[in-house]
Amino acid sequence: MYENRRWVLALSAIADAGTVSQAYVTEIKQLKYDTSNTQSVFLMHVNLRNILKERTLSKAIVTLSLINVNMDTVPDTLAGLPLQNLDLSKNYLSSLPNATSVAFSALSSVSVLNLSGNPLTTIPTAVFDMNATLKTLSMIGCNLTNLQLTDAQFAFLDQLSKFEGKISLTQCADGYAAKDLQNGQAGQP
């Protein structure tokens, strides 16, 4: 009866009704379905640190949300995906792959990147290597303090449609000065 159906586990809150649905899943043995046309994947609040390194994802995915999945690196398994929207918020990323790495190819087509809530202390160099496609960058809740940006890096951030982040400025190193973004939404706490 249920052999050819697609099953997706979704847990959600119904805000209008004021109720919350909760489920506790201890094991999902196997979900079998044709992933070749899957364009959006949202995985949240699960430990996928080692699992993502071993899995192959659909080559059709354009939107990928890996929110609070215990990642400390961007896995090579994302390479080759035509990602346009990538949400890596609330993980343990302290950097992004460099432009010569396999995993960086997953970032080359991204136009919306969310890195909020990661222990990043600076804007990763890889972000500035995404200048052909990146339009929106969110880094709210990162530890951005006393950023030292080149004029080209500053210009890149300023040309984004949207830059969200809280930047603490306590001092400027020699040769640097505080500047305001014209288009972004960087704030000082």
C-alpha atoms as a PDB file:
ATOM      1  CA  MET A   1       0.000   0.000   0.000  1.00  0.00           C
ATOM      2  CA  TYR A   2       2.775   2.516   0.891  1.00  0.00           C
ATOM      3  CA  GLU A   3       5.608   1.122  -1.179  1.00  0.00           C
ATOM      4  CA  ASN A   4       5.830   3.829  -3.856  1.00  0.00           C
ATOM      5  CA  ARG A   5       5.207   6.866  -1.675  1.00  0.00           C
ATOM      6  CA  ARG A   6       7.732   9.468  -0.612  1.00  0.00           C
ATOM      7  CA  TRP A   7       8.011   9.998   3.114  1.00  0.00           C
ATOM      8  CA  VAL A   8       9.411  13.129   4.626  1.00  0.00           C
ATOM      9  CA  LEU A   9       9.711  13.700   8.357  1.00  0.00           C
ATOM     10  CA  ALA A  10       8.694  17.241   9.262  1.00  0.00           C
ATOM     11  CA  LEU A  11       8.383  18.636  12.755  1.00  0.00           C
ATOM     12  CA  SER A  12       6.825  22.030  13.089  1.00  0.00           C
ATOM     13  CA  ALA A  13       5.049  24.509  15.283  1.00  0.00           C
ATOM     14  CA  ILE A  14       1.674  25.934  14.372  1.00  0.00           C
ATOM     15  CA  ALA A  15       1.990  29.559  15.472  1.00  0.00           C
ATOM     16  CA  ASP A  16      -1.610  30.579  14.791  1.00  0.00           C
ATOM     17  CA  ALA A  17      -3.059  27.732  16.814  1.00  0.00           C
ATOM     18  CA  GLY A  18      -0.575  28.206  19.643  1.00  0.00           C
ATOM     19  CA  THR A  19       0.339  24.533  19.608  1.00  0.00           C
ATOM     20  CA  VAL A  20       3.640  22.829  19.081  1.00  0.00           C
ATOM     21  CA  SER A  21       4.097  19.439  17.495  1.00  0.00           C
ATOM     22  CA  GLN A  22       6.953  17.384  18.850  1.00  0.00           C
ATOM     23  CA  ALA A  23       8.249  13.995  17.912  1.00  0.00           C
ATOM     24  CA  TYR A  24      11.203  12.053  19.157  1.00  0.00           C
ATOM     25  CA  VAL A  25      12.824   9.946  16.502  1.00  0.00           C
ATOM     26  CA  THR A  26      15.486   7.521  17.588  1.00  0.00           C
ATOM     27  CA  GLU A  27      16.062   5.771  14.291  1.00  0.00           C
ATOM     28  CA  ILE A  28      15.156   6.040  10.639  1.00  0.00           C
ATOM     29  CA  LYS A  29      16.439   2.903   8.999  1.00  0.00           C
ATOM     30  CA  GLN A  30      16.215   3.896   5.344  1.00  0.00           C
ATOM     31  CA  LEU A  31      14.256   6.333   3.310  1.00  0.00           C
ATOM     32  CA  LYS A  32      14.144   5.157  -0.271  1.00  0.00           C
ATOM     33  CA  TYR A  33      12.971   7.526  -2.945  1.00  0.00           C
ATOM     34  CA  ASP A  34      14.198   8.987  -6.195  1.00  0.00           C
ATOM     35  CA  THR A  35      16.365  11.968  -5.255  1.00  0.00           C
ATOM     36  CA  SER A  36      17.317  12.938  -8.794  1.00  0.00           C
ATOM     37  CA  ASN A  37      14.781  15.785  -8.886  1.00  0.00           C
ATOM     38  CA  THR A  38      15.189  16.982  -5.296  1.00  0.00           C
ATOM     39  CA  GLN A  39      15.964  20.703  -5.442  1.00  0.00           C
ATOM     40  CA  SER A  40      15.616  21.731  -1.790  1.00  0.00           C
ATOM     41  CA  VAL A  41      16.875  20.003   1.347  1.00  0.00           C
ATOM     42  CA  PHE A  42      16.391  21.306   4.889  1.00  0.00           C
ATOM     43  CA  LEU A  43      18.143  19.490   7.745  1.00  0.00           C
ATOM     44  CA  MET A  44      18.059  21.047  11.191  1.00  0.00           C
ATOM     45  CA  HIS A  45      19.064  20.266  14.756  1.00  0.00           C
ATOM     46  CA  VAL A  46      20.604  16.824  14.186  1.00  0.00           C
ATOM     47  CA  ASN A  47      24.182  15.583  14.407  1.00  0.00           C
ATOM     48  CA  LEU A  48      25.331  15.080  10.822  1.00  0.00           C
ATOM     49  CA  ARG A  49      29.048  15.764  11.313  1.00  0.00           C
ATOM     50  CA  ASN A  50      30.229  12.342  10.120  1.00  0.00           C
ATOM     51  CA  ILE A  51      27.171  11.399   8.072  1.00  0.00           C
ATOM     52  CA  LEU A  52      27.534  14.250   5.549  1.00  0.00           C
ATOM     53  CA  LYS A  53      31.096  13.218   4.784  1.00  0.00           C
ATOM     54  CA  GLU A  54      29.884   9.808   3.593  1.00  0.00           C
ATOM     55  CA  ARG A  55      26.715  10.633   1.649  1.00  0.00           C
ATOM     56  CA  THR A  56      26.028  11.605  -1.927  1.00  0.00           C
ATOM     57  CA  LEU A  57      23.465  14.322  -2.466  1.00  0.00           C
ATOM     58  CA  SER A  58      21.219  14.935  -5.451  1.00  0.00           C
ATOM     59  CA  LYS A  59      22.992  16.916  -8.163  1.00  0.00           C
ATOM     60  CA  ALA A  60      19.792  18.967  -8.595  1.00  0.00           C
ATOM     61  CA  ILE A  61      19.897  20.642  -5.155  1.00  0.00           C
ATOM     62  CA  VAL A  62      19.825  24.433  -5.411  1.00  0.00           C
ATOM     63  CA  THR A  63      18.675  25.191  -1.845  1.00  0.00           C
ATOM     64  CA  LEU A  64      20.445  23.499   1.054  1.00  0.00           C
ATOM     65  CA  SER A  65      19.885  24.311   4.716  1.00  0.00           C
ATOM     66  CA  LEU A  66      22.159  22.579   7.202  1.00  0.00           C
ATOM     67  CA  ILE A  67      21.192  24.433  10.371  1.00  0.00           C
ATOM     68  CA  ASN A  68      22.680  23.300  13.683  1.00  0.00           C
ATOM     69  CA  VAL A  69      23.874  19.953  12.319  1.00  0.00           C
ATOM     70  CA  ASN A  70      27.185  19.926  14.222  1.00  0.00           C
ATOM     71  CA  MET A  71      29.378  20.682  11.182  1.00  0.00           C
ATOM     72  CA  ASP A  72      32.901  21.941  11.732  1.00  0.00           C
ATOM     73  CA  THR A  73      33.915  21.900   8.054  1.00  0.00           C
ATOM     74  CA  VAL A  74      32.130  22.173   4.729  1.00  0.00           C
ATOM     75  CA  PRO A  75      32.127  18.583   3.421  1.00  0.00           C
ATOM     76  CA  ASP A  76      33.510  17.692   0.000  1.00  0.00           C
ATOM     77  CA  THR A  77      30.187  15.937  -0.722  1.00  0.00           C
ATOM     78  CA  LEU A  78      28.727  19.365  -1.525  1.00  0.00           C
ATOM     79  CA  ALA A  79      31.113  19.753  -4.465  1.00  0.00           C
ATOM     80  CA  GLY A  80      29.435  19.834  -7.843  1.00  0.00           C
ATOM     81  CA  LEU A  81      26.024  20.891  -6.526  1.00  0.00           C
ATOM     82  CA  PRO A  82      24.428  23.857  -8.323  1.00  0.00           C
ATOM     83  CA  LEU A  83      23.714  25.574  -4.992  1.00  0.00           C
ATOM     84  CA  GLN A  84      22.158  29.021  -5.069  1.00  0.00           C
ATOM     85  CA  ASN A  85      20.986  29.252  -1.448  1.00  0.00           C
ATOM     86  CA  LEU A  86      23.170  27.799   1.292  1.00  0.00           C
ATOM     87  CA  ASP A  87      22.370  28.063   4.994  1.00  0.00           C
ATOM     88  CA  LEU A  88      25.145  26.799   7.276  1.00  0.00           C
ATOM     89  CA  SER A  89      23.999  28.709  10.348  1.00  0.00           C
ATOM     90  CA  LYS A  90      24.469  27.599  13.954  1.00  0.00           C
ATOM     91  CA  ASN A  91      27.291  25.151  13.351  1.00  0.00           C
ATOM     92  CA  TYR A  92      30.945  25.062  14.399  1.00  0.00           C
ATOM     93  CA  LEU A  93      32.528  26.539  11.280  1.00  0.00           C
ATOM     94  CA  SER A  94      35.598  28.638  12.007  1.00  0.00           C
ATOM     95  CA  SER A  95      36.504  28.963   8.316  1.00  0.00           C
ATOM     96  CA  LEU A  96      35.325  28.076   4.820  1.00  0.00           C
ATOM     97  CA  PRO A  97      37.177  25.993   2.222  1.00  0.00           C
ATOM     98  CA  ASN A  98      39.756  27.908   0.213  1.00  0.00           C
ATOM     99  CA  ALA A  99      39.344  28.497  -3.512  1.00  0.00           C
ATOM    100  CA  THR A 100      41.574  25.550  -4.467  1.00  0.00           C
ATOM    101  CA  SER A 101      39.704  22.939  -2.399  1.00  0.00           C
ATOM    102  CA  VAL A 102      37.151  20.455  -3.708  1.00  0.00           C
ATOM    103  CA  ALA A 103      34.457  21.730  -1.343  1.00  0.00           C
ATOM    104  CA  PHE A 104      34.828  25.321  -2.593  1.00  0.00           C
ATOM    105  CA  SER A 105      33.253  24.363  -5.919  1.00  0.00           C
ATOM    106  CA  ALA A 106      29.965  24.027  -4.009  1.00  0.00           C
ATOM    107  CA  LEU A 107      30.197  27.706  -3.107  1.00  0.00           C
ATOM    108  CA  SER A 108      30.951  29.019  -6.591  1.00  0.00           C
ATOM    109  CA  SER A 109      27.286  29.425  -7.620  1.00  0.00           C
ATOM    110  CA  VAL A 110      25.834  30.522  -4.251  1.00  0.00           C
ATOM    111  CA  SER A 111      23.964  33.832  -4.267  1.00  0.00           C
ATOM    112  CA  VAL A 112      22.571  33.670  -0.698  1.00  0.00           C
ATOM    113  CA  LEU A 113      24.902  32.499   2.092  1.00  0.00           C
ATOM    114  CA  ASN A 114      23.967  32.323   5.771  1.00  0.00           C
ATOM    115  CA  LEU A 115      26.855  31.772   8.189  1.00  0.00           C
ATOM    116  CA  SER A 116      25.085  33.216  11.239  1.00  0.00           C
ATOM    117  CA  GLY A 117      25.821  31.735  14.639  1.00  0.00           C
ATOM    118  CA  ASN A 118      29.189  30.195  13.737  1.00  0.00           C
ATOM    119  CA  PRO A 119      32.374  30.965  15.724  1.00  0.00           C
ATOM    120  CA  LEU A 120      33.827  33.012  12.873  1.00  0.00           C
ATOM    121  CA  THR A 121      36.007  35.916  14.000  1.00  0.00           C
ATOM    122  CA  THR A 122      36.527  37.319  10.526  1.00  0.00           C
ATOM    123  CA  ILE A 123      34.841  37.127   7.144  1.00  0.00           C
ATOM    124  CA  PRO A 124      36.353  34.038   5.486  1.00  0.00           C
ATOM    125  CA  THR A 125      38.579  34.707   2.478  1.00  0.00           C
ATOM    126  CA  ALA A 126      36.413  32.272   0.492  1.00  0.00           C
ATOM    127  CA  VAL A 127      33.512  34.747   0.714  1.00  0.00           C
ATOM    128  CA  PHE A 128      35.530  37.304  -1.241  1.00  0.00           C
ATOM    129  CA  ASP A 129      36.319  34.625  -3.842  1.00  0.00           C
ATOM    130  CA  MET A 130      32.553  34.271  -4.459  1.00  0.00           C
ATOM    131  CA  ASN A 131      32.324  37.749  -5.975  1.00  0.00           C
ATOM    132  CA  ALA A 132      30.749  36.602  -9.242  1.00  0.00           C
ATOM    133  CA  THR A 133      27.550  35.278  -7.653  1.00  0.00           C
ATOM    134  CA  LEU A 134      27.135  36.234  -3.980  1.00  0.00           C
ATOM    135  CA  LYS A 135      24.366  38.784  -3.389  1.00  0.00           C
ATOM    136  CA  THR A 136      23.374  38.218   0.254  1.00  0.00           C
ATOM    137  CA  LEU A 137      25.618  37.381   3.202  1.00  0.00           C
ATOM    138  CA  SER A 138      24.361  36.892   6.742  1.00  0.00           C
ATOM    139  CA  MET A 139      26.809  36.636   9.634  1.00  0.00           C
ATOM    140  CA  ILE A 140      24.616  37.595  12.592  1.00  0.00           C
ATOM    141  CA  GLY A 141      25.860  36.143  15.870  1.00  0.00           C
ATOM    142  CA  CYS A 142      29.422  35.579  14.690  1.00  0.00           C
ATOM    143  CA  ASN A 143      32.328  37.003  16.676  1.00  0.00           C
ATOM    144  CA  LEU A 144      33.291  39.684  14.165  1.00  0.00           C
ATOM    145  CA  THR A 145      35.632  42.025  16.021  1.00  0.00           C
ATOM    146  CA  ASN A 146      38.049  44.608  14.627  1.00  0.00           C
ATOM    147  CA  LEU A 147      37.809  43.416  11.024  1.00  0.00           C
ATOM    148  CA  GLN A 148      40.714  44.491   8.881  1.00  0.00           C
ATOM    149  CA  LEU A 149      39.495  44.625   5.293  1.00  0.00           C
ATOM    150  CA  THR A 150      41.270  45.763   2.178  1.00  0.00           C
ATOM    151  CA  ASP A 151      39.586  48.439   0.083  1.00  0.00           C
ATOM    152  CA  ALA A 152      38.601  45.736  -2.442  1.00  0.00           C
ATOM    153  CA  GLN A 153      37.060  43.538   0.279  1.00  0.00           C
ATOM    154  CA  PHE A 154      35.165  46.493   1.705  1.00  0.00           C
ATOM    155  CA  ALA A 155      33.894  47.417  -1.774  1.00  0.00           C
ATOM    156  CA  PHE A 156      32.768  43.815  -2.282  1.00  0.00           C
ATOM    157  CA  LEU A 157      30.722  43.851   0.945  1.00  0.00           C
ATOM    158  CA  ASP A 158      29.260  47.218   0.040  1.00  0.00           C
ATOM    159  CA  GLN A 159      28.060  46.023  -3.381  1.00  0.00           C
ATOM    160  CA  LEU A 160      26.126  43.096  -1.881  1.00  0.00           C
ATOM    161  CA  SER A 161      22.345  43.472  -1.961  1.00  0.00           C
ATOM    162  CA  LYS A 162      22.376  42.609   1.728  1.00  0.00           C
ATOM    163  CA  PHE A 163      25.056  42.088   4.372  1.00  0.00           C
ATOM    164  CA  GLU A 164      23.858  41.280   7.882  1.00  0.00           C
ATOM    165  CA  GLY A 165      26.248  41.123  10.778  1.00  0.00           C
ATOM    166  CA  LYS A 166      27.177  42.638  14.112  1.00  0.00           C
ATOM    167  CA  ILE A 167      30.709  43.968  14.105  1.00  0.00           C
ATOM    168  CA  SER A 168      32.450  45.038  17.301  1.00  0.00           C
ATOM    169  CA  LEU A 169      35.003  47.757  16.768  1.00  0.00           C
ATOM    170  CA  THR A 170      37.293  48.431  19.700  1.00  0.00           C
ATOM    171  CA  GLN A 171      40.351  49.700  17.869  1.00  0.00           C
ATOM    172  CA  CYS A 172      41.752  50.175  14.388  1.00  0.00           C
ATOM    173  CA  ALA A 173      45.187  48.863  13.526  1.00  0.00           C
ATOM    174  CA  ASP A 174      47.670  51.172  11.832  1.00  0.00           C
ATOM    175  CA  GLY A 175      46.621  51.848   8.263  1.00  0.00           C
ATOM    176  CA  TYR A 176      42.928  51.008   8.894  1.00  0.00           C
ATOM    177  CA  ALA A 177      39.969  53.259   9.659  1.00  0.00           C
ATOM    178  CA  ALA A 178      36.334  52.684  10.550  1.00  0.00           C
ATOM    179  CA  LYS A 179      34.012  52.873   7.530  1.00  0.00           C
ATOM    180  CA  ASP A 180      30.274  52.600   7.008  1.00  0.00           C
ATOM    181  CA  LEU A 181      28.676  50.285   4.471  1.00  0.00           C
ATOM    182  CA  GLN A 182      26.253  52.051   2.152  1.00  0.00           C
ATOM    183  CA  ASN A 183      24.156  49.045   1.085  1.00  0.00           C
ATOM    184  CA  GLY A 184      24.792  46.438   3.760  1.00  0.00           C
ATOM    185  CA  GLN A 185      23.285  46.157   7.197  1.00  0.00           C
ATOM    186  CA  ALA A 186      26.319  45.763   9.391  1.00  0.00           C
ATOM    187  CA  GLY A 187      25.704  47.010  12.868  1.00  0.00           C
ATOM    188  CA  GLN A 188      27.785  47.752  15.884  1.00  0.00           C
ATOM    189  CA  PRO A 189      26.452  46.435  19.207  1.00  0.00           C
END
